Structure formats: structure tokens, C-alpha cells
């Protein structure tokens, strides 16, 4: 956690991690809606 509010290196890692998390959540939402559509 140290250096997270520091210079550009921490920001780059944080933005990449946030992007991966957002893509993962989108994948879960799309997969859940697809499964619900298939089951119904």
C-alpha cells in the first residue's frame, strides 16, 4: 500500500488493476445474463 499515492508508477499499477477488475465484473455480468437467458 505504501507508494500508492506517490508518483506515476503506483498510478499505472492501480489503473491497470482497476481495468482488470472492471473487465472481470463485466464478464461476470454478461455470463450471468447469458446463463439466465439460456435457462429461461
N, C-alpha and C. Protein backbone atom coordinates (compact mmCIF):
# COMPACT_ATOMS: atom_id res chain seq x y z
N UNK A 1 0.82 -1.20 0.00
CA UNK A 1 0.00 0.00 0.00
C UNK A 1 0.86 1.25 0.00
N UNK A 2 2.08 1.18 0.50
CA UNK A 2 2.95 2.34 0.53
C UNK A 2 3.37 2.72 -0.88
N UNK A 3 3.32 3.99 -1.21
CA UNK A 3 3.67 4.45 -2.54
C UNK A 3 2.49 4.45 -3.49
N UNK A 4 1.29 4.12 -3.01
CA UNK A 4 0.12 4.13 -3.89
C UNK A 4 -0.22 5.56 -4.30
N UNK A 5 -0.09 6.50 -3.36
CA UNK A 5 -0.37 7.90 -3.67
C UNK A 5 0.90 8.63 -4.10
N UNK A 6 1.91 7.89 -4.52
CA UNK A 6 3.18 8.51 -4.89
C UNK A 6 3.17 8.99 -6.32
N UNK A 7 4.23 8.64 -7.08
CA UNK A 7 4.39 9.15 -8.43
C UNK A 7 3.63 8.27 -9.43
N UNK A 8 4.07 8.27 -10.69
CA UNK A 8 3.32 7.62 -11.77
C UNK A 8 3.31 6.11 -11.70
N UNK A 9 4.33 5.48 -11.09
CA UNK A 9 4.40 4.03 -11.12
C UNK A 9 3.21 3.42 -10.39
N UNK A 10 2.91 3.93 -9.19
CA UNK A 10 1.78 3.41 -8.43
C UNK A 10 0.47 3.66 -9.16
N UNK A 11 0.37 4.81 -9.83
CA UNK A 11 -0.86 5.12 -10.55
C UNK A 11 -1.07 4.15 -11.70
N UNK A 12 0.02 3.82 -12.40
CA UNK A 12 -0.10 2.88 -13.52
C UNK A 12 -0.56 1.51 -13.04
N UNK A 13 0.02 1.04 -11.93
CA UNK A 13 -0.39 -0.26 -11.41
C UNK A 13 -1.84 -0.22 -10.95
N UNK A 14 -2.23 0.86 -10.30
CA UNK A 14 -3.60 0.97 -9.82
C UNK A 14 -4.59 1.01 -10.97
N UNK A 15 -4.29 1.76 -12.03
CA UNK A 15 -5.21 1.86 -13.15
C UNK A 15 -5.32 0.52 -13.87
N UNK A 16 -4.20 -0.19 -14.02
CA UNK A 16 -4.23 -1.49 -14.67
C UNK A 16 -5.06 -2.46 -13.84
N UNK A 17 -4.88 -2.44 -12.52
CA UNK A 17 -5.64 -3.34 -11.65
C UNK A 17 -7.12 -3.00 -11.71
N UNK A 18 -7.46 -1.70 -11.74
CA UNK A 18 -8.86 -1.29 -11.82
C UNK A 18 -9.46 -1.74 -13.15
N UNK A 19 -8.70 -1.62 -14.23
CA UNK A 19 -9.20 -2.04 -15.53
C UNK A 19 -9.48 -3.54 -15.55
N UNK A 20 -8.58 -4.33 -14.96
CA UNK A 20 -8.79 -5.78 -14.90
C UNK A 20 -10.03 -6.10 -14.07
N UNK A 21 -10.21 -5.40 -12.96
CA UNK A 21 -11.37 -5.65 -12.11
C UNK A 21 -12.66 -5.31 -12.86
N UNK A 22 -12.66 -4.18 -13.58
CA UNK A 22 -13.86 -3.78 -14.32
C UNK A 22 -14.18 -4.81 -15.40
N UNK A 23 -13.16 -5.27 -16.13
CA UNK A 23 -13.40 -6.27 -17.17
C UNK A 23 -13.91 -7.56 -16.56
N UNK A 24 -13.38 -7.95 -15.39
CA UNK A 24 -13.82 -9.18 -14.73
C UNK A 24 -15.28 -9.07 -14.31
N UNK A 25 -15.67 -7.91 -13.77
CA UNK A 25 -17.06 -7.71 -13.35
C UNK A 25 -17.98 -7.73 -14.57
N UNK A 26 -17.57 -7.09 -15.65
CA UNK A 26 -18.36 -7.12 -16.88
C UNK A 26 -18.53 -8.54 -17.38
N UNK A 27 -17.46 -9.33 -17.34
CA UNK A 27 -17.54 -10.72 -17.79
C UNK A 27 -18.51 -11.51 -16.93
N UNK A 28 -18.50 -11.29 -15.62
CA UNK A 28 -19.43 -11.99 -14.73
C UNK A 28 -20.87 -11.59 -15.05
N UNK A 29 -21.12 -10.30 -15.27
CA UNK A 29 -22.48 -9.83 -15.54
C UNK A 29 -22.98 -10.41 -16.86
N UNK A 30 -22.14 -10.37 -17.89
CA UNK A 30 -22.55 -10.90 -19.19
C UNK A 30 -22.78 -12.41 -19.10
N UNK A 31 -21.90 -13.12 -18.39
CA UNK A 31 -22.07 -14.56 -18.24
C UNK A 31 -23.33 -14.90 -17.48
N UNK A 32 -23.63 -14.14 -16.42
CA UNK A 32 -24.83 -14.41 -15.63
C UNK A 32 -26.09 -14.16 -16.47
N UNK A 33 -26.11 -13.06 -17.22
CA UNK A 33 -27.28 -12.77 -18.05
C UNK A 33 -27.43 -13.82 -19.15
N UNK A 34 -26.32 -14.29 -19.71
CA UNK A 34 -26.38 -15.31 -20.75
C UNK A 34 -26.91 -16.63 -20.18
N UNK A 35 -26.46 -16.99 -18.98
CA UNK A 35 -26.94 -18.23 -18.35
C UNK A 35 -28.42 -18.11 -18.00
N UNK A 36 -28.84 -16.95 -17.49
CA UNK A 36 -30.25 -16.77 -17.16
C UNK A 36 -31.11 -16.85 -18.43
N UNK A 37 -30.63 -16.28 -19.51
CA UNK A 37 -31.37 -16.34 -20.77
C UNK A 37 -31.46 -17.79 -21.26
N UNK A 38 -30.37 -18.54 -21.11
CA UNK A 38 -30.36 -19.93 -21.56
C UNK A 38 -31.28 -20.80 -20.72
N UNK A 39 -31.31 -20.54 -19.39
CA UNK A 39 -32.15 -21.36 -18.52
C UNK A 39 -33.62 -21.02 -18.71
N UNK A 40 -33.94 -19.75 -18.95
CA UNK A 40 -35.34 -19.38 -19.17
C UNK A 40 -35.73 -19.74 -20.60
